[in-house]
C-alpha atoms as a PDB file:
ATOM      1  CA  MET A   1      -0.355   8.146-112.360  1.00  0.00           C
ATOM      2  CA  PRO A   2      -0.164  11.539-110.581  1.00  0.00           C
ATOM      3  CA  THR A   3      -2.952  13.944-111.432  1.00  0.00           C
ATOM      4  CA  THR A   4      -4.160  17.430-110.477  1.00  0.00           C
ATOM      5  CA  VAL A   5      -7.114  17.428-108.099  1.00  0.00           C
ATOM      6  CA  LEU A   6      -9.351  20.301-107.035  1.00  0.00           C
ATOM      7  CA  VAL A   7     -10.552  19.957-103.436  1.00  0.00           C
ATOM      8  CA  THR A   8     -13.195  22.388-102.156  1.00  0.00           C
ATOM      9  CA  GLY A   9     -13.615  23.029 -98.444  1.00  0.00           C
ATOM     10  CA  ALA A  10      -9.903  22.337 -98.171  1.00  0.00           C
ATOM     11  CA  THR A  11      -9.203  24.157 -94.912  1.00  0.00           C
ATOM     12  CA  GLY A  12     -11.910  22.209 -93.088  1.00  0.00           C
ATOM     13  CA  PHE A  13     -11.342  19.126 -90.966  1.00  0.00           C
ATOM     14  CA  VAL A  14     -12.044  16.233 -93.338  1.00  0.00           C
ATOM     15  CA  MET A  15     -10.969  17.927 -96.547  1.00  0.00           C
ATOM     16  CA  ALA A  16      -7.625  19.038 -95.086  1.00  0.00           C
ATOM     17  CA  ASN A  17      -6.907  15.371 -94.469  1.00  0.00           C
ATOM     18  CA  VAL A  18      -8.046  14.488 -97.989  1.00  0.00           C
ATOM     19  CA  VAL A  19      -5.654  17.104 -99.373  1.00  0.00           C
ATOM     20  CA  ARG A  20      -2.806  15.670 -97.312  1.00  0.00           C
ATOM     21  CA  HIS A  21      -3.549  12.091 -98.364  1.00  0.00           C
ATOM     22  CA  LEU A  22      -3.623  13.001-102.064  1.00  0.00           C
ATOM     23  CA  ALA A  23      -0.417  15.059-101.821  1.00  0.00           C
ATOM     24  CA  GLN A  24       1.277  12.200 -99.935  1.00  0.00           C
ATOM     25  CA  GLN A  25       0.428   9.990-102.905  1.00  0.00           C
ATOM     26  CA  GLY A  26       2.176  12.414-105.250  1.00  0.00           C
ATOM     27  CA  HIS A  27      -0.881  14.202-106.666  1.00  0.00           C
ATOM     28  CA  ASP A  28      -0.913  17.971-107.080  1.00  0.00           C
ATOM     29  CA  VAL A  29      -3.823  19.553-105.221  1.00  0.00           C
ATOM     30  CA  ILE A  30      -5.679  22.820-105.704  1.00  0.00           C
ATOM     31  CA  ALA A  31      -6.895  23.422-102.140  1.00  0.00           C
ATOM     32  CA  ALA A  32      -9.860  25.781-102.441  1.00  0.00           C
ATOM     33  CA  ASP A  33     -11.835  27.320 -99.589  1.00  0.00           C
ATOM     34  CA  LEU A  34     -13.594  30.506 -98.568  1.00  0.00           C
ATOM     35  CA  LYS A  35     -11.071  30.840 -95.729  1.00  0.00           C
ATOM     36  CA  ALA A  36      -7.309  31.075 -96.125  1.00  0.00           C
ATOM     37  CA  PRO A  37      -5.186  28.441 -94.350  1.00  0.00           C
ATOM     38  CA  ASP A  38      -3.521  29.281 -91.060  1.00  0.00           C
ATOM     39  CA  ALA A  39       0.156  28.575 -90.361  1.00  0.00           C
ATOM     40  CA  LEU A  40      -0.494  25.194 -88.721  1.00  0.00           C
ATOM     41  CA  LEU A  41      -2.487  23.919 -91.703  1.00  0.00           C
ATOM     42  CA  GLU A  42       0.131  25.191 -94.143  1.00  0.00           C
ATOM     43  CA  ARG A  43       2.782  23.192 -92.270  1.00  0.00           C
ATOM     44  CA  PHE A  44       0.468  20.138 -92.287  1.00  0.00           C
ATOM     45  CA  LEU A  45       0.283  20.331 -96.085  1.00  0.00           C
ATOM     46  CA  THR A  46       3.861  21.235 -97.046  1.00  0.00           C
ATOM     47  CA  GLY A  47       6.899  19.050 -97.694  1.00  0.00           C
ATOM     48  CA  LEU A  48       4.817  16.335 -99.379  1.00  0.00           C
ATOM     49  CA  PRO A  49       5.534  14.593-102.703  1.00  0.00           C
ATOM     50  CA  GLY A  50       2.653  16.432-104.392  1.00  0.00           C
ATOM     51  CA  ALA A  51       2.325  20.213-104.497  1.00  0.00           C
ATOM     52  CA  VAL A  52      -0.533  21.957-102.670  1.00  0.00           C
ATOM     53  CA  ARG A  53      -1.706  25.336-103.973  1.00  0.00           C
ATOM     54  CA  PHE A  54      -4.266  27.296-101.954  1.00  0.00           C
ATOM     55  CA  ARG A  55      -7.003  29.329-103.617  1.00  0.00           C
ATOM     56  CA  GLN A  56      -9.811  31.291-101.984  1.00  0.00           C
ATOM     57  CA  VAL A  57     -13.260  30.905-103.529  1.00  0.00           C
ATOM     58  CA  ASP A  58     -16.914  31.063-102.509  1.00  0.00           C
ATOM     59  CA  VAL A  59     -18.551  27.926-103.894  1.00  0.00           C
ATOM     60  CA  THR A  60     -21.902  29.722-104.207  1.00  0.00           C
ATOM     61  CA  ASP A  61     -20.316  32.133-106.707  1.00  0.00           C
ATOM     62  CA  GLY A  62     -20.585  30.234-109.982  1.00  0.00           C
ATOM     63  CA  ALA A  63     -18.474  32.657-111.998  1.00  0.00           C
ATOM     64  CA  ALA A  64     -15.661  32.589-109.441  1.00  0.00           C
ATOM     65  CA  VAL A  65     -15.679  28.788-109.316  1.00  0.00           C
ATOM     66  CA  LEU A  66     -15.621  28.516-113.102  1.00  0.00           C
ATOM     67  CA  GLY A  67     -12.735  31.001-113.242  1.00  0.00           C
ATOM     68  CA  LEU A  68     -10.789  28.955-110.712  1.00  0.00           C
ATOM     69  CA  VAL A  69     -11.391  25.705-112.594  1.00  0.00           C
ATOM     70  CA  ARG A  70     -10.343  27.228-115.904  1.00  0.00           C
ATOM     71  CA  GLU A  71      -7.227  28.758-114.343  1.00  0.00           C
ATOM     72  CA  THR A  72      -6.010  25.658-112.516  1.00  0.00           C
ATOM     73  CA  ARG A  73      -7.211  22.945-114.958  1.00  0.00           C
ATOM     74  CA  PRO A  74      -7.777  20.060-112.541  1.00  0.00           C
ATOM     75  CA  THR A  75      -8.359  16.630-114.021  1.00  0.00           C
ATOM     76  CA  ARG A  76     -10.402  15.350-111.040  1.00  0.00           C
ATOM     77  CA  ALA A  77     -12.196  16.951-108.112  1.00  0.00           C
ATOM     78  CA  VAL A  78     -13.515  16.385-104.592  1.00  0.00           C
ATOM     79  CA  HIS A  79     -16.308  18.730-103.548  1.00  0.00           C
ATOM     80  CA  GLY A  80     -16.405  18.914 -99.753  1.00  0.00           C
ATOM     81  CA  ALA A  81     -17.262  22.537 -98.970  1.00  0.00           C
ATOM     82  CA  ALA A  82     -20.205  22.618 -96.558  1.00  0.00           C
ATOM     83  CA  ILE A  83     -21.626  24.145 -93.391  1.00  0.00           C
ATOM     84  CA  THR A  84     -22.281  21.608 -90.616  1.00  0.00           C
ATOM     85  CA  ALA A  85     -25.086  23.438 -88.781  1.00  0.00           C
ATOM     86  CA  ILE A  86     -26.066  20.714 -86.318  1.00  0.00           C
ATOM     87  CA  PRO A  87     -26.683  22.329 -82.889  1.00  0.00           C
ATOM     88  CA  PRO A  88     -30.200  23.863 -82.825  1.00  0.00           C
ATOM     89  CA  GLU A  89     -28.920  27.371 -82.124  1.00  0.00           C
ATOM     90  CA  VAL A  90     -26.588  27.210 -85.150  1.00  0.00           C
ATOM     91  CA  GLU A  91     -29.354  25.750 -87.293  1.00  0.00           C
ATOM     92  CA  ARG A  92     -31.566  28.728 -86.441  1.00  0.00           C
ATOM     93  CA  ALA A  93     -28.828  31.299 -86.971  1.00  0.00           C
ATOM     94  CA  ARG A  94     -27.415  29.894 -90.217  1.00  0.00           C
ATOM     95  CA  PHE A  95     -30.413  28.254 -91.850  1.00  0.00           C
ATOM     96  CA  LEU A  96     -30.242  30.084 -95.185  1.00  0.00           C
ATOM     97  CA  ASP A  97     -26.433  30.105 -95.305  1.00  0.00           C
ATOM     98  CA  THR A  98     -26.356  26.346 -94.754  1.00  0.00           C
ATOM     99  CA  ALA A  99     -28.939  25.631 -97.441  1.00  0.00           C
ATOM    100  CA  GLU A 100     -27.166  27.922 -99.896  1.00  0.00           C
ATOM    101  CA  ALA A 101     -23.711  26.468 -99.291  1.00  0.00           C
ATOM    102  CA  ASN A 102     -24.705  22.804 -99.179  1.00  0.00           C
ATOM    103  CA  ILE A 103     -27.185  22.792-102.072  1.00  0.00           C
ATOM    104  CA  GLN A 104     -26.510  25.746-104.362  1.00  0.00           C
ATOM    105  CA  GLY A 105     -22.770  25.510-103.720  1.00  0.00           C
ATOM    106  CA  THR A 106     -22.759  21.880-104.798  1.00  0.00           C
ATOM    107  CA  LEU A 107     -24.562  22.658-108.048  1.00  0.00           C
ATOM    108  CA  ARG A 108     -22.348  25.664-108.815  1.00  0.00           C
ATOM    109  CA  VAL A 109     -19.218  23.575-108.400  1.00  0.00           C
ATOM    110  CA  LEU A 110     -20.583  20.736-110.522  1.00  0.00           C
ATOM    111  CA  ALA A 111     -21.665  23.152-113.249  1.00  0.00           C
ATOM    112  CA  ALA A 112     -18.168  24.634-113.433  1.00  0.00           C
ATOM    113  CA  LEU A 113     -16.560  21.199-113.517  1.00  0.00           C
ATOM    114  CA  ALA A 114     -18.917  20.064-116.268  1.00  0.00           C
ATOM    115  CA  VAL A 115     -18.253  23.131-118.434  1.00  0.00           C
ATOM    116  CA  ALA A 116     -14.489  22.643-118.050  1.00  0.00           C
ATOM    117  CA  GLY A 117     -14.695  18.929-118.823  1.00  0.00           C
ATOM    118  CA  VAL A 118     -13.129  17.802-115.541  1.00  0.00           C
ATOM    119  CA  GLY A 119     -13.048  14.008-115.154  1.00  0.00           C
ATOM    120  CA  ARG A 120     -13.940  12.011-112.037  1.00  0.00           C
ATOM    121  CA  VAL A 121     -15.763  13.936-109.295  1.00  0.00           C
ATOM    122  CA  VAL A 122     -16.528  12.877-105.725  1.00  0.00           C
ATOM    123  CA  ALA A 123     -19.221  14.877-103.937  1.00  0.00           C
ATOM    124  CA  VAL A 124     -18.964  14.472-100.181  1.00  0.00           C
ATOM    125  CA  SER A 125     -22.255  13.528 -98.522  1.00  0.00           C
ATOM    126  CA  SER A 126     -23.015  12.301 -95.000  1.00  0.00           C
ATOM    127  CA  GLY A 127     -24.195   9.178 -93.209  1.00  0.00           C
ATOM    128  CA  SER A 128     -26.716  11.437 -91.476  1.00  0.00           C
ATOM    129  CA  VAL A 129     -28.878  11.325 -94.627  1.00  0.00           C
ATOM    130  CA  TYR A 130     -30.124   7.871 -93.567  1.00  0.00           C
ATOM    131  CA  GLY A 131     -31.840   9.346 -90.521  1.00  0.00           C
ATOM    132  CA  ARG A 132     -33.259   7.548 -87.501  1.00  0.00           C
ATOM    133  CA  ARG A 133     -33.532   3.743 -87.610  1.00  0.00           C
ATOM    134  CA  ASP A 134     -35.717   1.393 -85.604  1.00  0.00           C
ATOM    135  CA  THR A 135     -32.753  -0.970 -85.233  1.00  0.00           C
ATOM    136  CA  LEU A 136     -28.990  -0.488 -85.108  1.00  0.00           C
ATOM    137  CA  ALA A 137     -28.366  -2.858 -88.019  1.00  0.00           C
ATOM    138  CA  PRO A 138     -25.696  -1.794 -90.544  1.00  0.00           C
ATOM    139  CA  ILE A 139     -27.004   0.449 -93.332  1.00  0.00           C
ATOM    140  CA  SER A 140     -26.280  -0.083 -97.036  1.00  0.00           C
ATOM    141  CA  GLU A 141     -26.237   2.621 -99.695  1.00  0.00           C
ATOM    142  CA  ASP A 142     -29.598   1.727-101.227  1.00  0.00           C
ATOM    143  CA  GLU A 143     -31.658   1.829 -98.036  1.00  0.00           C
ATOM    144  CA  THR A 144     -34.276   4.530 -97.503  1.00  0.00           C
ATOM    145  CA  LYS A 145     -33.210   7.997 -96.404  1.00  0.00           C
ATOM    146  CA  ASP A 146     -34.931   9.982 -93.648  1.00  0.00           C
ATOM    147  CA  PRO A 147     -32.866  13.055 -92.655  1.00  0.00           C
ATOM    148  CA  GLN A 148     -34.172  14.710 -89.493  1.00  0.00           C
ATOM    149  CA  ALA A 149     -32.692  18.225 -89.420  1.00  0.00           C
ATOM    150  CA  LEU A 150     -31.314  20.990 -91.611  1.00  0.00           C
ATOM    151  CA  TYR A 151     -27.770  19.705 -92.118  1.00  0.00           C
ATOM    152  CA  PRO A 152     -28.709  16.129 -93.119  1.00  0.00           C
ATOM    153  CA  MET A 153     -31.589  17.460 -95.205  1.00  0.00           C
ATOM    154  CA  THR A 154     -29.279  19.730 -97.179  1.00  0.00           C
ATOM    155  CA  LYS A 155     -26.722  16.950 -97.555  1.00  0.00           C
ATOM    156  CA  TRP A 156     -29.410  14.612 -98.892  1.00  0.00           C
ATOM    157  CA  ALA A 157     -30.644  17.285-101.296  1.00  0.00           C
ATOM    158  CA  GLY A 158     -27.073  17.877-102.486  1.00  0.00           C
ATOM    159  CA  ASP A 159     -26.499  14.105-102.715  1.00  0.00           C
ATOM    160  CA  MET A 160     -29.572  13.554-104.919  1.00  0.00           C
ATOM    161  CA  LEU A 161     -29.046  16.641-107.068  1.00  0.00           C
ATOM    162  CA  ALA A 162     -25.364  15.894-107.624  1.00  0.00           C
ATOM    163  CA  ARG A 163     -26.145  12.416-108.927  1.00  0.00           C
ATOM    164  CA  ARG A 164     -28.973  13.694-111.129  1.00  0.00           C
ATOM    165  CA  PHE A 165     -26.802  16.535-112.460  1.00  0.00           C
ATOM    166  CA  ALA A 166     -24.140  13.977-113.332  1.00  0.00           C
ATOM    167  CA  GLN A 167     -26.656  11.844-115.210  1.00  0.00           C
ATOM    168  CA  VAL A 168     -27.999  14.807-117.181  1.00  0.00           C
ATOM    169  CA  HIS A 169     -24.596  16.305-117.991  1.00  0.00           C
ATOM    170  CA  GLY A 170     -22.519  13.153-118.375  1.00  0.00           C
ATOM    171  CA  VAL A 171     -20.251  13.783-115.386  1.00  0.00           C
ATOM    172  CA  ASP A 172     -18.331  10.803-113.967  1.00  0.00           C
ATOM    173  CA  LEU A 173     -19.466  11.283-110.368  1.00  0.00           C
ATOM    174  CA  ALA A 174     -20.126   9.420-107.133  1.00  0.00           C
ATOM    175  CA  VAL A 175     -21.151  10.644-103.713  1.00  0.00           C
ATOM    176  CA  ALA A 176     -19.263   9.520-100.596  1.00  0.00           C
ATOM    177  CA  ARG A 177     -21.472   9.199 -97.490  1.00  0.00           C
ATOM    178  CA  LEU A 178     -19.200   9.532 -94.489  1.00  0.00           C
ATOM    179  CA  ALA A 179     -19.401   7.969 -91.050  1.00  0.00           C
ATOM    180  CA  SER A 180     -18.356  10.035 -87.988  1.00  0.00           C
ATOM    181  CA  PRO A 181     -14.691  11.042 -88.368  1.00  0.00           C
ATOM    182  CA  PHE A 182     -12.218  12.055 -85.687  1.00  0.00           C
ATOM    183  CA  GLY A 183      -8.566  13.043 -85.912  1.00  0.00           C
ATOM    184  CA  PRO A 184      -6.123  15.855 -86.716  1.00  0.00           C
ATOM    185  CA  PHE A 185      -7.510  19.303 -87.500  1.00  0.00           C
ATOM    186  CA  GLU A 186     -10.960  18.658 -86.116  1.00  0.00           C
ATOM    187  CA  ARG A 187     -11.757  22.201 -85.046  1.00  0.00           C
ATOM    188  CA  ASP A 188     -14.333  24.871 -85.744  1.00  0.00           C
ATOM    189  CA  THR A 189     -13.225  27.143 -88.574  1.00  0.00           C
ATOM    190  CA  GLY A 190     -16.682  28.720 -88.773  1.00  0.00           C
ATOM    191  CA  SER A 191     -18.444  25.858 -90.526  1.00  0.00           C
ATOM    192  CA  ARG A 192     -18.264  23.030 -87.945  1.00  0.00           C
ATOM    193  CA  PRO A 193     -19.331  24.289 -84.503  1.00  0.00           C
ATOM    194  CA  LEU A 194     -20.033  20.884 -82.912  1.00  0.00           C
ATOM    195  CA  LEU A 195     -16.908  18.727 -82.741  1.00  0.00           C
ATOM    196  CA  SER A 196     -17.050  14.966 -82.256  1.00  0.00           C
ATOM    197  CA  PRO A 197     -17.056  13.369 -78.801  1.00  0.00           C
ATOM    198  CA  MET A 198     -13.704  11.767 -79.701  1.00  0.00           C
ATOM    199  CA  ALA A 199     -12.200  15.234 -80.184  1.00  0.00           C
ATOM    200  CA  HIS A 200     -13.475  16.462 -76.823  1.00  0.00           C
ATOM    201  CA  TRP A 201     -12.404  13.340 -74.941  1.00  0.00           C
ATOM    202  CA  ALA A 202      -8.963  13.058 -76.545  1.00  0.00           C
ATOM    203  CA  THR A 203      -8.241  16.754 -76.027  1.00  0.00           C
ATOM    204  CA  SER A 204      -9.249  16.516 -72.365  1.00  0.00           C
ATOM    205  CA  ALA A 205      -7.056  13.415 -71.928  1.00  0.00           C
ATOM    206  CA  VAL A 206      -4.012  15.172 -73.382  1.00  0.00           C
ATOM    207  CA  ARG A 207      -4.616  18.176 -71.111  1.00  0.00           C
ATOM    208  CA  ARG A 208      -5.060  15.856 -68.112  1.00  0.00           C
ATOM    209  CA  GLU A 209      -8.549  17.258 -67.548  1.00  0.00           C
ATOM    210  CA  ARG A 210     -11.504  15.298 -66.248  1.00  0.00           C
ATOM    211  CA  ILE A 211     -13.593  13.828 -69.072  1.00  0.00           C
ATOM    212  CA  VAL A 212     -17.320  14.343 -68.489  1.00  0.00           C
ATOM    213  CA  VAL A 213     -19.535  11.919 -70.452  1.00  0.00           C
ATOM    214  CA  THR A 214     -23.210  12.833 -70.615  1.00  0.00           C
ATOM    215  CA  GLY A 215     -26.173  10.831 -71.851  1.00  0.00           C
ATOM    216  CA  ASP A 216     -26.334   7.118 -72.607  1.00  0.00           C
ATOM    217  CA  ARG A 217     -22.854   5.588 -72.374  1.00  0.00           C
ATOM    218  CA  THR A 218     -24.003   2.587 -74.485  1.00  0.00           C
ATOM    219  CA  TYR A 219     -25.071   4.774 -77.431  1.00  0.00           C
ATOM    220  CA  ALA A 220     -22.904   3.672 -80.364  1.00  0.00           C
ATOM    221  CA  ARG A 221     -21.518   6.172 -82.856  1.00  0.00           C
ATOM    222  CA  ASP A 222     -20.178   5.212 -86.256  1.00  0.00           C
ATOM    223  CA  SER A 223     -16.676   6.545 -85.549  1.00  0.00           C
ATOM    224  CA  ILE A 224     -13.731   6.315 -87.952  1.00  0.00           C
ATOM    225  CA  TYR A 225     -10.236   7.799 -87.955  1.00  0.00           C
ATOM    226  CA  VAL A 226     -10.093  10.609 -90.520  1.00  0.00           C
ATOM    227  CA  ALA A 227      -7.094   9.165 -92.397  1.00  0.00           C
ATOM    228  CA  ASP A 228      -9.301   6.214 -93.360  1.00  0.00           C
ATOM    229  CA  ILE A 229     -12.026   8.599 -94.516  1.00  0.00           C
ATOM    230  CA  ALA A 230      -9.416  10.320 -96.699  1.00  0.00           C
ATOM    231  CA  SER A 231      -8.151   7.075 -98.222  1.00  0.00           C
ATOM    232  CA  GLY A 232     -11.739   5.936 -98.885  1.00  0.00           C
ATOM    233  CA  ILE A 233     -12.572   9.147-100.742  1.00  0.00           C
ATOM    234  CA  ALA A 234      -9.308   8.872-102.690  1.00  0.00           C
ATOM    235  CA  ALA A 235     -10.144   5.290-103.680  1.00  0.00           C
ATOM    236  CA  ILE A 236     -13.402   6.470-105.250  1.00  0.00           C
ATOM    237  CA  LEU A 237     -11.723   9.457-106.895  1.00  0.00           C
ATOM    238  CA  LEU A 238      -8.809   7.551-108.420  1.00  0.00           C
ATOM    239  CA  GLY A 239     -10.365   4.187-109.265  1.00  0.00           C
ATOM    240  CA  ASP A 240     -10.150   3.010-112.868  1.00  0.00           C
ATOM    241  CA  ARG A 241     -13.925   2.739-113.150  1.00  0.00           C
ATOM    242  CA  LEU A 242     -16.967   3.787-111.165  1.00  0.00           C
ATOM    243  CA  PRO A 243     -19.470   0.914-110.854  1.00  0.00           C
ATOM    244  CA  HIS A 244     -21.815   2.828-108.509  1.00  0.00           C
ATOM    245  CA  ASP A 245     -22.815   6.436-107.899  1.00  0.00           C
ATOM    246  CA  ALA A 246     -22.887   6.237-104.081  1.00  0.00           C
ATOM    247  CA  TYR A 247     -20.476   4.794-101.509  1.00  0.00           C
ATOM    248  CA  ASN A 248     -20.495   4.613 -97.734  1.00  0.00           C
ATOM    249  CA  VAL A 249     -17.132   5.315 -96.099  1.00  0.00           C
ATOM    250  CA  GLY A 250     -16.717   4.000 -92.554  1.00  0.00           C
ATOM    251  CA  TRP A 251     -15.412   1.194 -90.381  1.00  0.00           C
ATOM    252  CA  GLY A 252     -18.710  -0.683 -90.537  1.00  0.00           C
ATOM    253  CA  HIS A 253     -19.317  -0.945 -86.795  1.00  0.00           C
ATOM    254  CA  GLY A 254     -20.357   1.328 -83.946  1.00  0.00           C
ATOM    255  CA  THR A 255     -18.297   2.448 -80.958  1.00  0.00           C
ATOM    256  CA  THR A 256     -19.861   3.174 -77.568  1.00  0.00           C
ATOM    257  CA  ALA A 257     -18.546   5.714 -75.084  1.00  0.00           C
ATOM    258  CA  ASP A 258     -17.456   2.794 -72.878  1.00  0.00           C
ATOM    259  CA  GLU A 259     -15.388   1.297 -75.710  1.00  0.00           C
ATOM    260  CA  ALA A 260     -13.915   4.620 -76.813  1.00  0.00           C
ATOM    261  CA  LEU A 261     -12.831   5.639 -73.328  1.00  0.00           C
ATOM    262  CA  ALA A 262     -11.416   2.205 -72.566  1.00  0.00           C
ATOM    263  CA  ALA A 263      -9.251   2.536 -75.683  1.00  0.00           C
ATOM    264  CA  LEU A 264      -8.321   6.095 -74.734  1.00  0.00           C
ATOM    265  CA  ALA A 265      -7.305   4.930 -71.246  1.00  0.00           C
ATOM    266  CA  ARG A 266      -4.854   2.489 -72.830  1.00  0.00           C
ATOM    267  CA  VAL A 267      -3.319   5.350 -74.802  1.00  0.00           C
ATOM    268  CA  CYS A 268      -3.434   7.833 -71.904  1.00  0.00           C
ATOM    269  CA  PRO A 269      -3.230   5.858 -68.654  1.00  0.00           C
ATOM    270  CA  GLY A 270      -4.680   7.562 -65.615  1.00  0.00           C
ATOM    271  CA  ILE A 271      -7.443   9.552 -67.320  1.00  0.00           C
ATOM    272  CA  GLU A 272     -10.314  10.590 -65.066  1.00  0.00           C
ATOM    273  CA  VAL A 273     -13.856  10.017 -66.360  1.00  0.00           C
ATOM    274  CA  GLU A 274     -17.064  11.323 -64.824  1.00  0.00           C
ATOM    275  CA  TRP A 275     -20.223   9.625 -66.090  1.00  0.00           C
ATOM    276  CA  ARG A 276     -23.324  11.867 -66.083  1.00  0.00           C
ATOM    277  CA  PRO A 277     -26.204   9.910 -67.665  1.00  0.00           C
ATOM    278  CA  ASP A 278     -28.652  12.414 -66.137  1.00  0.00           C
ATOM    279  CA  LEU A 279     -27.406  15.190 -68.423  1.00  0.00           C
ATOM    280  CA  PRO A 280     -28.310  15.374 -72.141  1.00  0.00           C
ATOM    281  CA  SER A 281     -25.609  14.591 -74.686  1.00  0.00           C
ATOM    282  CA  PRO A 282     -24.881  17.331 -77.231  1.00  0.00           C
ATOM    283  CA  TRP A 283     -24.320  14.563 -79.804  1.00  0.00           C
ATOM    284  CA  VAL A 284     -27.845  13.166 -79.648  1.00  0.00           C
ATOM    285  CA  GLY A 285     -30.607  15.191 -81.284  1.00  0.00           C
ATOM    286  CA  PRO A 286     -32.311  15.882 -84.641  1.00  0.00           C
ATOM    287  CA  GLY A 287     -28.988  16.209 -86.478  1.00  0.00           C
ATOM    288  CA  ASN A 288     -27.416  13.207 -84.698  1.00  0.00           C
ATOM    289  CA  VAL A 289     -30.043  10.473 -84.455  1.00  0.00           C
ATOM    290  CA  ALA A 290     -29.684   6.833 -83.479  1.00  0.00           C
ATOM    291  CA  ARG A 291     -28.773   4.597 -86.409  1.00  0.00           C
ATOM    292  CA  GLY A 292     -26.570   1.643 -87.164  1.00  0.00           C
ATOM    293  CA  PRO A 293     -23.117   1.860 -88.743  1.00  0.00           C
ATOM    294  CA  LEU A 294     -22.592   2.255 -92.468  1.00  0.00           C
ATOM    295  CA  ARG A 295     -22.039  -0.908 -94.482  1.00  0.00           C
ATOM    296  CA  CYS A 296     -18.910  -0.450 -96.612  1.00  0.00           C
ATOM    297  CA  GLU A 297     -18.732  -3.689 -98.606  1.00  0.00           C
ATOM    298  CA  ARG A 298     -19.376  -1.774-101.845  1.00  0.00           C
ATOM    299  CA  LEU A 299     -16.279   0.379-101.320  1.00  0.00           C
ATOM    300  CA  ARG A 300     -14.183  -2.703-100.557  1.00  0.00           C
ATOM    301  CA  GLN A 301     -15.485  -4.749-103.465  1.00  0.00           C
ATOM    302  CA  ASP A 302     -15.266  -2.031-106.131  1.00  0.00           C
ATOM    303  CA  PHE A 303     -11.891  -0.540-105.168  1.00  0.00           C
ATOM    304  CA  GLY A 304     -10.190  -3.014-102.838  1.00  0.00           C
ATOM    305  CA  TRP A 305     -10.217  -0.387-100.074  1.00  0.00           C
ATOM    306  CA  ARG A 306      -9.374  -1.401 -96.523  1.00  0.00           C
ATOM    307  CA  PRO A 307      -9.011   0.842 -93.462  1.00  0.00           C
ATOM    308  CA  ARG A 308      -5.497   1.140 -92.037  1.00  0.00           C
ATOM    309  CA  TYR A 309      -6.631   1.903 -88.497  1.00  0.00           C
ATOM    310  CA  ASP A 310      -8.781   0.427 -85.772  1.00  0.00           C
ATOM    311  CA  LEU A 311     -10.108   2.335 -82.764  1.00  0.00           C
ATOM    312  CA  GLN A 312      -6.957   1.834 -80.683  1.00  0.00           C
ATOM    313  CA  SER A 313      -4.440   2.773 -83.370  1.00  0.00           C
ATOM    314  CA  GLY A 314      -6.569   5.682 -84.595  1.00  0.00           C
ATOM    315  CA  LEU A 315      -6.841   7.160 -81.108  1.00  0.00           C
ATOM    316  CA  ALA A 316      -3.122   6.607 -80.488  1.00  0.00           C
ATOM    317  CA  GLU A 317      -2.166   8.536 -83.619  1.00  0.00           C
ATOM    318  CA  TYR A 318      -4.655  11.292 -82.856  1.00  0.00           C
ATOM    319  CA  VAL A 319      -3.410  11.699 -79.295  1.00  0.00           C
ATOM    320  CA  GLU A 320       0.180  11.877 -80.527  1.00  0.00           C
ATOM    321  CA  TRP A 321      -0.826  14.604 -82.992  1.00  0.00           C
ATOM    322  CA  LEU A 322      -2.595  16.554 -80.237  1.00  0.00           C
ATOM    323  CA  ARG A 323       0.508  16.351 -78.059  1.00  0.00           C
ATOM    324  CA  ARG A 324       2.655  17.731 -80.866  1.00  0.00           C
ATOM    325  CA  HIS A 325       0.167  20.549 -81.600  1.00  0.00           C
ATOM    326  CA  PRO A 326      -1.371  21.628 -78.294  1.00  0.00           C
END
């Protein structure tokens, strides 16, 4: 049955795709963000079965969030507003802003939703909360957490506090811990300065530029096409019941640079790749540590969710989108 969903962080990469997925399914969406949408995003989210209404709000402003919730009367919500301060220079520059947005912002949004009696809530967390692992074995939801830098630390704090807030206040809530997404609208809008390697490589391929790969080419990232992230979050949001309060959302296996670029070469024949293992990778560091992929059996078992894409089909659709929107 169609419903009205509030989505925070709606002009950002992942949440824009969540908004589109929900509207494609016929749900009306209140797309809330500190930043207004640009023309390209407005086109991405128009002409769908469900209506999308944009609202500007600062999630750290509790009164403003409560006013928005009371005005729009959503029946469910996805809280995804966050600052992804992963590179060290951004971590230094935006330390307090990141902590405020990712922790206080989460609690302000949940408080407003609780006061208004909004139903199911999904708070978006991150696979980075699991931290560094001694092995690359798949990671289940109940394994220990060891975040290594500001962004994963704030996501883990928000993850824990959201679930405790829900217990105390009787909110029907689960957190969604995301693998590493790639796909349409991955760009820096002020809150995501480090894009994924898939975004850099696919963009270079479309532009017919040489792709430079630094660091260990066998290092496996837990990549997933963003449309599958969106459908996984929607499955948690719209399910009839909520057996657990935490779900991993991913493909369940890692992808090396070798594998990703081989798939990209099949989509874009003739790409030129320069391997530079002597140079450090920007995607390996305290905020991006070595770990195995996220186990997603819980999401499949509780909601019957299955990804639509594999690496090849996800890259093919992403490349086609990049060609249409250079």
